[in-house]
Amino acid sequence: MQIPKNPANVISFNKAKAQKVFEEAYGMQINGFVDAAIDLYTRSIDLYPTAKAYTFLAWAHASRREYELAIEFCKIAIEIDPDYGNPYNDAGAYLIELNRPLEARPYLEKAIKAKNYDYRFYPYYNLGKLHLMSKNYESAHRCFEKAVHLKPEFQAAQAELEKLESSPTSS
């Protein structure tokens, strides 16, 4: 394959190559090859950095419980595209894992409001988890209800909702 010499064509070439490498990384990750995925996400970013590639790189590191590093990659993703909701939710979820709910909440609220985000049920679910941590059962119930309303087949939110509805402490 011949590499184009025009700067605009080089950018387009790099973007297309980066997307192909990203897809390969994602395939590796979902098949359990996290180290290979991390290498490929990094290669994709080197070719053409995108918020999505940084978010998925963060997810790969989070799967190894490297939450601090994952949060840093989410922050880079947010800098690249502040309208992309995934890194906000993911950073919030990683902060929950680190038991830092006060830091998590603003990220989750921004995820809900993000212009480019198709999975708003996740931040509602994660906010519900935050409310459970502080024993605010009524707010947790509302968040889990909203998550289930947005995605009725979301079993984790449905399970939390059912637990709350059957628990005497949540009344």
N, C-alpha and C. Protein backbone atom coordinates (compact mmCIF):
# COMPACT_ATOMS: atom_id res chain seq x y z
N MET A 1 0.85 -1.18 0.00
CA MET A 1 0.00 0.00 0.00
C MET A 1 0.89 1.24 0.00
N GLN A 2 0.53 2.21 -0.79
CA GLN A 2 1.32 3.43 -0.89
C GLN A 2 0.76 4.47 0.07
N ILE A 3 1.64 5.10 0.84
CA ILE A 3 1.23 6.13 1.80
C ILE A 3 1.11 7.46 1.05
N PRO A 4 -0.02 8.16 1.21
CA PRO A 4 -0.21 9.44 0.52
C PRO A 4 0.75 10.52 1.03
N LYS A 5 1.09 11.47 0.17
CA LYS A 5 2.02 12.54 0.53
C LYS A 5 1.29 13.82 0.94
N ASN A 6 0.08 14.03 0.52
CA ASN A 6 -0.72 15.20 0.89
C ASN A 6 -1.07 15.12 2.38
N PRO A 7 -0.80 16.19 3.18
CA PRO A 7 -1.07 16.13 4.62
C PRO A 7 -2.50 15.72 4.98
N ALA A 8 -3.49 16.22 4.25
CA ALA A 8 -4.88 15.84 4.53
C ALA A 8 -5.10 14.36 4.27
N ASN A 9 -4.48 13.84 3.22
CA ASN A 9 -4.60 12.42 2.91
C ASN A 9 -3.86 11.55 3.94
N VAL A 10 -2.74 12.07 4.46
CA VAL A 10 -2.00 11.34 5.49
C VAL A 10 -2.86 11.21 6.74
N ILE A 11 -3.52 12.29 7.12
CA ILE A 11 -4.40 12.25 8.29
C ILE A 11 -5.52 11.24 8.07
N SER A 12 -6.12 11.28 6.91
CA SER A 12 -7.19 10.34 6.59
C SER A 12 -6.68 8.90 6.60
N PHE A 13 -5.49 8.70 6.05
CA PHE A 13 -4.87 7.37 6.04
C PHE A 13 -4.63 6.89 7.47
N ASN A 14 -4.05 7.77 8.31
CA ASN A 14 -3.77 7.41 9.70
C ASN A 14 -5.05 7.12 10.47
N LYS A 15 -6.07 7.91 10.21
CA LYS A 15 -7.35 7.71 10.90
C LYS A 15 -7.94 6.35 10.54
N ALA A 16 -7.92 6.01 9.28
CA ALA A 16 -8.45 4.71 8.83
C ALA A 16 -7.63 3.56 9.40
N LYS A 17 -6.31 3.70 9.40
CA LYS A 17 -5.44 2.66 9.96
C LYS A 17 -5.66 2.54 11.47
N ALA A 18 -5.79 3.67 12.14
CA ALA A 18 -6.03 3.66 13.59
C ALA A 18 -7.35 2.96 13.91
N GLN A 19 -8.37 3.20 13.10
CA GLN A 19 -9.67 2.54 13.33
C GLN A 19 -9.55 1.03 13.17
N LYS A 20 -8.80 0.61 12.19
CA LYS A 20 -8.60 -0.83 11.96
C LYS A 20 -7.86 -1.47 13.15
N VAL A 21 -6.84 -0.79 13.64
CA VAL A 21 -6.08 -1.29 14.79
C VAL A 21 -6.97 -1.28 16.04
N PHE A 22 -7.79 -0.24 16.19
CA PHE A 22 -8.72 -0.18 17.31
C PHE A 22 -9.66 -1.39 17.30
N GLU A 23 -10.21 -1.70 16.15
CA GLU A 23 -11.12 -2.84 16.03
C GLU A 23 -10.43 -4.15 16.39
N GLU A 24 -9.17 -4.27 15.99
CA GLU A 24 -8.39 -5.46 16.34
C GLU A 24 -8.19 -5.52 17.87
N ALA A 25 -7.90 -4.36 18.47
CA ALA A 25 -7.72 -4.29 19.92
C ALA A 25 -8.99 -4.71 20.65
N TYR A 26 -10.12 -4.20 20.18
CA TYR A 26 -11.39 -4.54 20.81
C TYR A 26 -11.65 -6.04 20.73
N GLY A 27 -11.38 -6.63 19.58
CA GLY A 27 -11.54 -8.07 19.42
C GLY A 27 -10.66 -8.84 20.40
N MET A 28 -9.45 -8.38 20.57
CA MET A 28 -8.55 -9.02 21.52
C MET A 28 -9.10 -8.91 22.94
N GLN A 29 -9.57 -7.72 23.27
CA GLN A 29 -10.06 -7.51 24.64
C GLN A 29 -11.27 -8.37 24.96
N ILE A 30 -12.24 -8.40 24.06
CA ILE A 30 -13.44 -9.18 24.38
C ILE A 30 -13.17 -10.68 24.38
N ASN A 31 -12.05 -11.08 23.80
CA ASN A 31 -11.66 -12.50 23.83
C ASN A 31 -10.68 -12.80 24.96
N GLY A 32 -10.45 -11.81 25.84
CA GLY A 32 -9.64 -12.05 27.02
C GLY A 32 -8.16 -11.79 26.90
N PHE A 33 -7.73 -11.24 25.79
CA PHE A 33 -6.31 -10.95 25.58
C PHE A 33 -6.04 -9.48 25.89
N VAL A 34 -6.09 -9.16 27.17
CA VAL A 34 -6.02 -7.76 27.60
C VAL A 34 -4.67 -7.12 27.29
N ASP A 35 -3.58 -7.84 27.52
CA ASP A 35 -2.26 -7.25 27.23
C ASP A 35 -2.12 -6.90 25.75
N ALA A 36 -2.55 -7.79 24.90
CA ALA A 36 -2.50 -7.52 23.45
C ALA A 36 -3.41 -6.34 23.10
N ALA A 37 -4.57 -6.29 23.73
CA ALA A 37 -5.50 -5.19 23.48
C ALA A 37 -4.87 -3.86 23.88
N ILE A 38 -4.24 -3.82 25.03
CA ILE A 38 -3.58 -2.58 25.49
C ILE A 38 -2.52 -2.14 24.49
N ASP A 39 -1.73 -3.07 24.01
CA ASP A 39 -0.71 -2.73 23.01
C ASP A 39 -1.34 -2.17 21.74
N LEU A 40 -2.43 -2.80 21.31
CA LEU A 40 -3.09 -2.35 20.07
C LEU A 40 -3.82 -1.02 20.26
N TYR A 41 -4.49 -0.82 21.40
CA TYR A 41 -5.13 0.48 21.64
C TYR A 41 -4.07 1.58 21.63
N THR A 42 -2.93 1.31 22.23
CA THR A 42 -1.84 2.29 22.26
C THR A 42 -1.34 2.58 20.85
N ARG A 43 -1.22 1.55 20.04
CA ARG A 43 -0.80 1.73 18.65
C ARG A 43 -1.84 2.56 17.87
N SER A 44 -3.10 2.28 18.12
CA SER A 44 -4.17 3.05 17.48
C SER A 44 -4.07 4.53 17.85
N ILE A 45 -3.83 4.78 19.13
CA ILE A 45 -3.70 6.16 19.62
C ILE A 45 -2.48 6.83 19.00
N ASP A 46 -1.41 6.09 18.85
CA ASP A 46 -0.21 6.66 18.22
C ASP A 46 -0.49 7.07 16.78
N LEU A 47 -1.33 6.33 16.10
CA LEU A 47 -1.68 6.65 14.71
C LEU A 47 -2.63 7.83 14.62
N TYR A 48 -3.65 7.82 15.48
CA TYR A 48 -4.66 8.88 15.44
C TYR A 48 -5.42 8.85 16.77
N PRO A 49 -5.08 9.73 17.71
CA PRO A 49 -5.71 9.69 19.03
C PRO A 49 -7.18 10.09 18.99
N THR A 50 -8.02 9.25 19.59
CA THR A 50 -9.45 9.54 19.69
C THR A 50 -9.91 9.32 21.13
N ALA A 51 -10.99 9.97 21.48
CA ALA A 51 -11.58 9.78 22.81
C ALA A 51 -11.99 8.33 23.00
N LYS A 52 -12.52 7.72 21.96
CA LYS A 52 -12.96 6.34 22.05
C LYS A 52 -11.78 5.40 22.34
N ALA A 53 -10.67 5.59 21.65
CA ALA A 53 -9.51 4.72 21.86
C ALA A 53 -8.97 4.88 23.28
N TYR A 54 -8.91 6.11 23.78
CA TYR A 54 -8.45 6.31 25.16
C TYR A 54 -9.43 5.71 26.16
N THR A 55 -10.72 5.80 25.89
CA THR A 55 -11.73 5.23 26.80
C THR A 55 -11.60 3.71 26.85
N PHE A 56 -11.39 3.10 25.71
CA PHE A 56 -11.27 1.64 25.68
C PHE A 56 -9.93 1.18 26.26
N LEU A 57 -8.89 1.99 26.08
CA LEU A 57 -7.61 1.70 26.74
C LEU A 57 -7.80 1.74 28.26
N ALA A 58 -8.56 2.72 28.72
CA ALA A 58 -8.87 2.82 30.15
C ALA A 58 -9.62 1.57 30.62
N TRP A 59 -10.59 1.15 29.84
CA TRP A 59 -11.38 -0.04 30.19
C TRP A 59 -10.48 -1.27 30.30
N ALA A 60 -9.53 -1.40 29.38
CA ALA A 60 -8.60 -2.53 29.43
C ALA A 60 -7.79 -2.50 30.72
N HIS A 61 -7.29 -1.32 31.07
CA HIS A 61 -6.51 -1.22 32.31
C HIS A 61 -7.41 -1.47 33.53
N ALA A 62 -8.63 -1.00 33.49
CA ALA A 62 -9.55 -1.23 34.61
C ALA A 62 -9.83 -2.71 34.79
N SER A 63 -9.84 -3.46 33.70
CA SER A 63 -10.08 -4.90 33.81
C SER A 63 -8.93 -5.59 34.56
N ARG A 64 -7.80 -4.89 34.67
CA ARG A 64 -6.67 -5.40 35.45
C ARG A 64 -6.60 -4.69 36.82
N ARG A 65 -7.69 -4.01 37.15
CA ARG A 65 -7.82 -3.26 38.42
C ARG A 65 -6.81 -2.12 38.53
N GLU A 66 -6.37 -1.61 37.42
CA GLU A 66 -5.46 -0.45 37.37
C GLU A 66 -6.32 0.80 37.22
N TYR A 67 -7.12 1.06 38.26
CA TYR A 67 -8.14 2.11 38.18
C TYR A 67 -7.56 3.51 38.07
N GLU A 68 -6.49 3.80 38.79
CA GLU A 68 -5.91 5.15 38.72
C GLU A 68 -5.46 5.47 37.29
N LEU A 69 -4.78 4.53 36.67
CA LEU A 69 -4.33 4.71 35.29
C LEU A 69 -5.54 4.83 34.36
N ALA A 70 -6.53 4.00 34.59
CA ALA A 70 -7.74 4.05 33.77
C ALA A 70 -8.41 5.42 33.86
N ILE A 71 -8.47 5.98 35.06
CA ILE A 71 -9.07 7.31 35.25
C ILE A 71 -8.29 8.36 34.47
N GLU A 72 -6.96 8.26 34.49
CA GLU A 72 -6.14 9.22 33.75
C GLU A 72 -6.43 9.15 32.25
N PHE A 73 -6.60 7.93 31.72
CA PHE A 73 -6.93 7.80 30.30
C PHE A 73 -8.32 8.35 30.01
N CYS A 74 -9.26 8.17 30.95
CA CYS A 74 -10.60 8.76 30.76
C CYS A 74 -10.52 10.28 30.71
N LYS A 75 -9.67 10.85 31.54
CA LYS A 75 -9.52 12.31 31.54
C LYS A 75 -8.97 12.80 30.19
N ILE A 76 -8.05 12.05 29.62
CA ILE A 76 -7.52 12.42 28.30
C ILE A 76 -8.64 12.32 27.26
N ALA A 77 -9.44 11.27 27.34
CA ALA A 77 -10.57 11.11 26.41
C ALA A 77 -11.53 12.29 26.52
N ILE A 78 -11.78 12.74 27.74
CA ILE A 78 -12.69 13.88 27.96
C ILE A 78 -12.09 15.15 27.36
N GLU A 79 -10.79 15.32 27.49
CA GLU A 79 -10.13 16.50 26.88
C GLU A 79 -10.29 16.47 25.36
N ILE A 80 -10.16 15.30 24.76
CA ILE A 80 -10.26 15.18 23.31
C ILE A 80 -11.70 15.45 22.85
N ASP A 81 -12.68 14.90 23.56
CA ASP A 81 -14.09 15.06 23.17
C ASP A 81 -14.97 15.19 24.41
N PRO A 82 -15.18 16.42 24.88
CA PRO A 82 -15.98 16.63 26.09
C PRO A 82 -17.46 16.23 25.94
N ASP A 83 -17.91 15.99 24.72
CA ASP A 83 -19.30 15.59 24.50
C ASP A 83 -19.51 14.08 24.52
N TYR A 84 -18.44 13.32 24.58
CA TYR A 84 -18.49 11.86 24.55
C TYR A 84 -18.75 11.34 25.97
N GLY A 85 -19.86 10.68 26.17
CA GLY A 85 -20.29 10.30 27.52
C GLY A 85 -19.56 9.14 28.16
N ASN A 86 -19.06 8.21 27.37
CA ASN A 86 -18.46 7.00 27.93
C ASN A 86 -17.35 7.26 28.95
N PRO A 87 -16.37 8.13 28.67
CA PRO A 87 -15.30 8.28 29.66
C PRO A 87 -15.77 8.89 30.98
N TYR A 88 -16.81 9.70 30.95
CA TYR A 88 -17.36 10.25 32.19
C TYR A 88 -17.92 9.11 33.06
N ASN A 89 -18.75 8.27 32.45
CA ASN A 89 -19.33 7.16 33.21
C ASN A 89 -18.24 6.22 33.69
N ASP A 90 -17.31 5.90 32.81
CA ASP A 90 -16.27 4.95 33.18
C ASP A 90 -15.41 5.49 34.33
N ALA A 91 -15.01 6.75 34.25
CA ALA A 91 -14.23 7.34 35.35
C ALA A 91 -15.03 7.28 36.65
N GLY A 92 -16.32 7.58 36.57
CA GLY A 92 -17.16 7.48 37.76
C GLY A 92 -17.20 6.07 38.32
N ALA A 93 -17.34 5.09 37.43
CA ALA A 93 -17.39 3.69 37.87
C ALA A 93 -16.06 3.28 38.51
N TYR A 94 -14.94 3.73 37.95
CA TYR A 94 -13.64 3.37 38.51
C TYR A 94 -13.45 4.03 39.88
N LEU A 95 -13.95 5.26 40.02
CA LEU A 95 -13.87 5.93 41.32
C LEU A 95 -14.73 5.23 42.36
N ILE A 96 -15.86 4.68 41.94
CA ILE A 96 -16.68 3.89 42.86
C ILE A 96 -15.87 2.67 43.32
N GLU A 97 -15.20 2.02 42.39
CA GLU A 97 -14.37 0.86 42.75
C GLU A 97 -13.29 1.23 43.74
N LEU A 98 -12.81 2.47 43.66
CA LEU A 98 -11.78 2.95 44.59
C LEU A 98 -12.39 3.52 45.87
N ASN A 99 -13.72 3.39 46.01
CA ASN A 99 -14.46 3.89 47.17
C ASN A 99 -14.29 5.41 47.34
N ARG A 100 -14.42 6.12 46.22
CA ARG A 100 -14.31 7.58 46.22
C ARG A 100 -15.59 8.16 45.61
N PRO A 101 -16.73 7.97 46.31
CA PRO A 101 -18.02 8.36 45.75
C PRO A 101 -18.17 9.86 45.50
N LEU A 102 -17.58 10.68 46.34
CA LEU A 102 -17.73 12.13 46.14
C LEU A 102 -17.06 12.58 44.84
N GLU A 103 -15.97 11.94 44.46
CA GLU A 103 -15.32 12.26 43.20
C GLU A 103 -16.08 11.67 42.01
N ALA A 104 -16.74 10.54 42.24
CA ALA A 104 -17.44 9.84 41.16
C ALA A 104 -18.68 10.58 40.69
N ARG A 105 -19.42 11.15 41.62
CA ARG A 105 -20.72 11.74 41.30
C ARG A 105 -20.69 12.76 40.15
N PRO A 106 -19.77 13.74 40.15
CA PRO A 106 -19.78 14.72 39.04
C PRO A 106 -19.54 14.06 37.67
N TYR A 107 -18.70 13.05 37.63
CA TYR A 107 -18.47 12.36 36.37
C TYR A 107 -19.76 11.69 35.88
N LEU A 108 -20.47 11.05 36.79
CA LEU A 108 -21.70 10.34 36.40
C LEU A 108 -22.77 11.33 35.95
N GLU A 109 -22.86 12.46 36.64
CA GLU A 109 -23.84 13.48 36.24
C GLU A 109 -23.51 14.06 34.87
N LYS A 110 -22.22 14.21 34.57
CA LYS A 110 -21.82 14.70 33.24
C LYS A 110 -22.10 13.64 32.17
N ALA A 111 -21.96 12.37 32.53
CA ALA A 111 -22.27 11.30 31.56
C ALA A 111 -23.73 11.36 31.17
N ILE A 112 -24.60 11.59 32.14
CA ILE A 112 -26.04 11.65 31.86
C ILE A 112 -26.36 12.79 30.90
N LYS A 113 -25.63 13.90 31.04
CA LYS A 113 -25.90 15.10 30.23
C LYS A 113 -25.11 15.14 28.92
N ALA A 114 -24.19 14.23 28.72
CA ALA A 114 -23.33 14.27 27.54
C ALA A 114 -24.14 14.19 26.25
N LYS A 115 -23.73 14.98 25.27
CA LYS A 115 -24.44 15.04 23.98
C LYS A 115 -24.28 13.74 23.18
N ASN A 116 -23.12 13.13 23.28
CA ASN A 116 -22.81 11.94 22.47
C ASN A 116 -22.69 10.73 23.39
N TYR A 117 -23.86 10.15 23.72
CA TYR A 117 -23.85 9.01 24.64
C TYR A 117 -25.13 8.21 24.49
N ASP A 118 -24.98 6.97 24.11
CA ASP A 118 -26.13 6.11 23.87
C ASP A 118 -26.45 5.18 25.04
N TYR A 119 -25.67 5.25 26.10
CA TYR A 119 -25.81 4.28 27.19
C TYR A 119 -26.08 4.97 28.53
N ARG A 120 -27.02 5.90 28.55
CA ARG A 120 -27.29 6.67 29.77
C ARG A 120 -27.78 5.82 30.94
N PHE A 121 -28.20 4.61 30.65
CA PHE A 121 -28.64 3.73 31.74
C PHE A 121 -27.48 3.39 32.66
N TYR A 122 -26.23 3.35 32.14
CA TYR A 122 -25.08 3.03 32.99
C TYR A 122 -24.83 4.08 34.07
N PRO A 123 -24.77 5.38 33.74
CA PRO A 123 -24.54 6.33 34.84
C PRO A 123 -25.69 6.37 35.85
N TYR A 124 -26.92 6.13 35.39
CA TYR A 124 -28.02 6.06 36.36
C TYR A 124 -27.81 4.87 37.30
N TYR A 125 -27.40 3.76 36.76
CA TYR A 125 -27.11 2.58 37.57
C TYR A 125 -25.98 2.89 38.57
N ASN A 126 -24.91 3.50 38.08
CA ASN A 126 -23.78 3.81 38.95
C ASN A 126 -24.14 4.85 40.01
N LEU A 127 -24.98 5.81 39.66
CA LEU A 127 -25.47 6.76 40.67
C LEU A 127 -26.30 6.02 41.72
N GLY A 128 -27.08 5.05 41.29
CA GLY A 128 -27.83 4.23 42.23
C GLY A 128 -26.90 3.54 43.21
N LYS A 129 -25.78 3.02 42.70
CA LYS A 129 -24.80 2.38 43.58
C LYS A 129 -24.22 3.38 44.59
N LEU A 130 -23.99 4.61 44.12
CA LEU A 130 -23.50 5.66 45.04
C LEU A 130 -24.51 5.92 46.15
N HIS A 131 -25.78 6.01 45.76
CA HIS A 131 -26.82 6.26 46.76
C HIS A 131 -26.93 5.10 47.74
N LEU A 132 -26.75 3.89 47.27
CA LEU A 132 -26.75 2.73 48.18
C LEU A 132 -25.61 2.84 49.19
N MET A 133 -24.44 3.29 48.72
CA MET A 133 -23.28 3.42 49.61
C MET A 133 -23.58 4.37 50.76
N SER A 134 -24.37 5.39 50.50
CA SER A 134 -24.71 6.36 51.55
C SER A 134 -26.07 6.06 52.19
N LYS A 135 -26.62 4.90 51.89
CA LYS A 135 -27.89 4.43 52.44
C LYS A 135 -29.07 5.36 52.10
N ASN A 136 -28.96 6.03 50.97
CA ASN A 136 -30.05 6.87 50.48
C ASN A 136 -30.88 6.00 49.53
N TYR A 137 -31.72 5.17 50.11
CA TYR A 137 -32.43 4.14 49.37
C TYR A 137 -33.46 4.71 48.39
N GLU A 138 -34.09 5.79 48.76
CA GLU A 138 -35.09 6.38 47.87
C GLU A 138 -34.45 6.89 46.57
N SER A 139 -33.32 7.58 46.72
CA SER A 139 -32.62 8.07 45.52
C SER A 139 -32.04 6.92 44.71
N ALA A 140 -31.54 5.91 45.40
CA ALA A 140 -31.02 4.73 44.71
C ALA A 140 -32.13 4.08 43.89
N HIS A 141 -33.30 3.96 44.49
CA HIS A 141 -34.45 3.35 43.82
C HIS A 141 -34.79 4.13 42.55
N ARG A 142 -34.83 5.46 42.66
CA ARG A 142 -35.14 6.30 41.48
C ARG A 142 -34.10 6.09 40.37
N CYS A 143 -32.83 6.02 40.74
CA CYS A 143 -31.77 5.83 39.74
C CYS A 143 -31.89 4.47 39.06
N PHE A 144 -32.10 3.42 39.84
CA PHE A 144 -32.24 2.09 39.26
C PHE A 144 -33.49 2.01 38.39
N GLU A 145 -34.56 2.66 38.82
CA GLU A 145 -35.78 2.71 38.00
C GLU A 145 -35.52 3.38 36.66
N LYS A 146 -34.79 4.48 36.70
CA LYS A 146 -34.47 5.21 35.47
C LYS A 146 -33.61 4.34 34.55
N ALA A 147 -32.64 3.64 35.12
CA ALA A 147 -31.79 2.75 34.32
C ALA A 147 -32.62 1.67 33.65
N VAL A 148 -33.54 1.07 34.40
CA VAL A 148 -34.40 0.02 33.84
C VAL A 148 -35.36 0.60 32.81
N HIS A 149 -35.84 1.81 33.05
CA HIS A 149 -36.72 2.46 32.07
C HIS A 149 -35.98 2.66 30.75
N LEU A 150 -34.73 3.09 30.83
CA LEU A 150 -33.95 3.34 29.62
C LEU A 150 -33.54 2.05 28.91
N LYS A 151 -33.33 0.98 29.70
CA LYS A 151 -32.92 -0.30 29.12
C LYS A 151 -33.58 -1.42 29.94
N PRO A 152 -34.79 -1.80 29.58
CA PRO A 152 -35.55 -2.78 30.37
C PRO A 152 -34.83 -4.11 30.58
N GLU A 153 -33.97 -4.50 29.67
CA GLU A 153 -33.27 -5.78 29.81
C GLU A 153 -31.96 -5.66 30.62
N PHE A 154 -31.71 -4.51 31.22
CA PHE A 154 -30.50 -4.30 32.02
C PHE A 154 -30.67 -5.02 33.36
N GLN A 155 -30.15 -6.24 33.41
CA GLN A 155 -30.41 -7.14 34.54
C GLN A 155 -29.79 -6.67 35.84
N ALA A 156 -28.62 -6.05 35.80
CA ALA A 156 -27.98 -5.61 37.04
C ALA A 156 -28.85 -4.55 37.73
N ALA A 157 -29.36 -3.60 36.96
CA ALA A 157 -30.22 -2.57 37.54
C ALA A 157 -31.53 -3.17 38.02
N GLN A 158 -32.08 -4.09 37.24
CA GLN A 158 -33.32 -4.76 37.63
C GLN A 158 -33.13 -5.51 38.95
N ALA A 159 -32.00 -6.18 39.10
CA ALA A 159 -31.71 -6.94 40.33
C ALA A 159 -31.60 -6.00 41.53
N GLU A 160 -30.94 -4.87 41.36
CA GLU A 160 -30.82 -3.90 42.45
C GLU A 160 -32.18 -3.34 42.83
N LEU A 161 -32.98 -3.07 41.83
CA LEU A 161 -34.33 -2.56 42.06
C LEU A 161 -35.16 -3.57 42.85
N GLU A 162 -35.08 -4.82 42.45
CA GLU A 162 -35.82 -5.88 43.15
C GLU A 162 -35.34 -6.04 44.59
N LYS A 163 -34.03 -5.96 44.81
CA LYS A 163 -33.50 -6.04 46.17
C LYS A 163 -34.03 -4.90 47.04
N LEU A 164 -34.02 -3.70 46.47
CA LEU A 164 -34.53 -2.55 47.22
C LEU A 164 -36.01 -2.70 47.55
N GLU A 165 -36.77 -3.17 46.58
CA GLU A 165 -38.21 -3.29 46.76
C GLU A 165 -38.58 -4.38 47.77
N SER A 166 -37.70 -5.34 47.96
CA SER A 166 -37.99 -6.42 48.91
C SER A 166 -37.30 -6.24 50.26
N SER A 167 -36.50 -5.18 50.39
CA SER A 167 -35.75 -4.96 51.63
C SER A 167 -36.53 -4.09 52.61
N PRO A 168 -36.66 -4.55 53.87
CA PRO A 168 -37.36 -3.73 54.87
C PRO A 168 -36.59 -2.45 55.22
N THR A 169 -35.26 -2.43 55.04
CA THR A 169 -34.47 -1.24 55.41
C THR A 169 -34.61 -0.12 54.38
N SER A 170 -35.06 -0.46 53.20
CA SER A 170 -35.15 0.57 52.15
C SER A 170 -36.48 1.29 52.15
N SER A 171 -37.39 0.87 52.98
CA SER A 171 -38.73 1.50 53.01
C SER A 171 -38.71 2.79 53.79
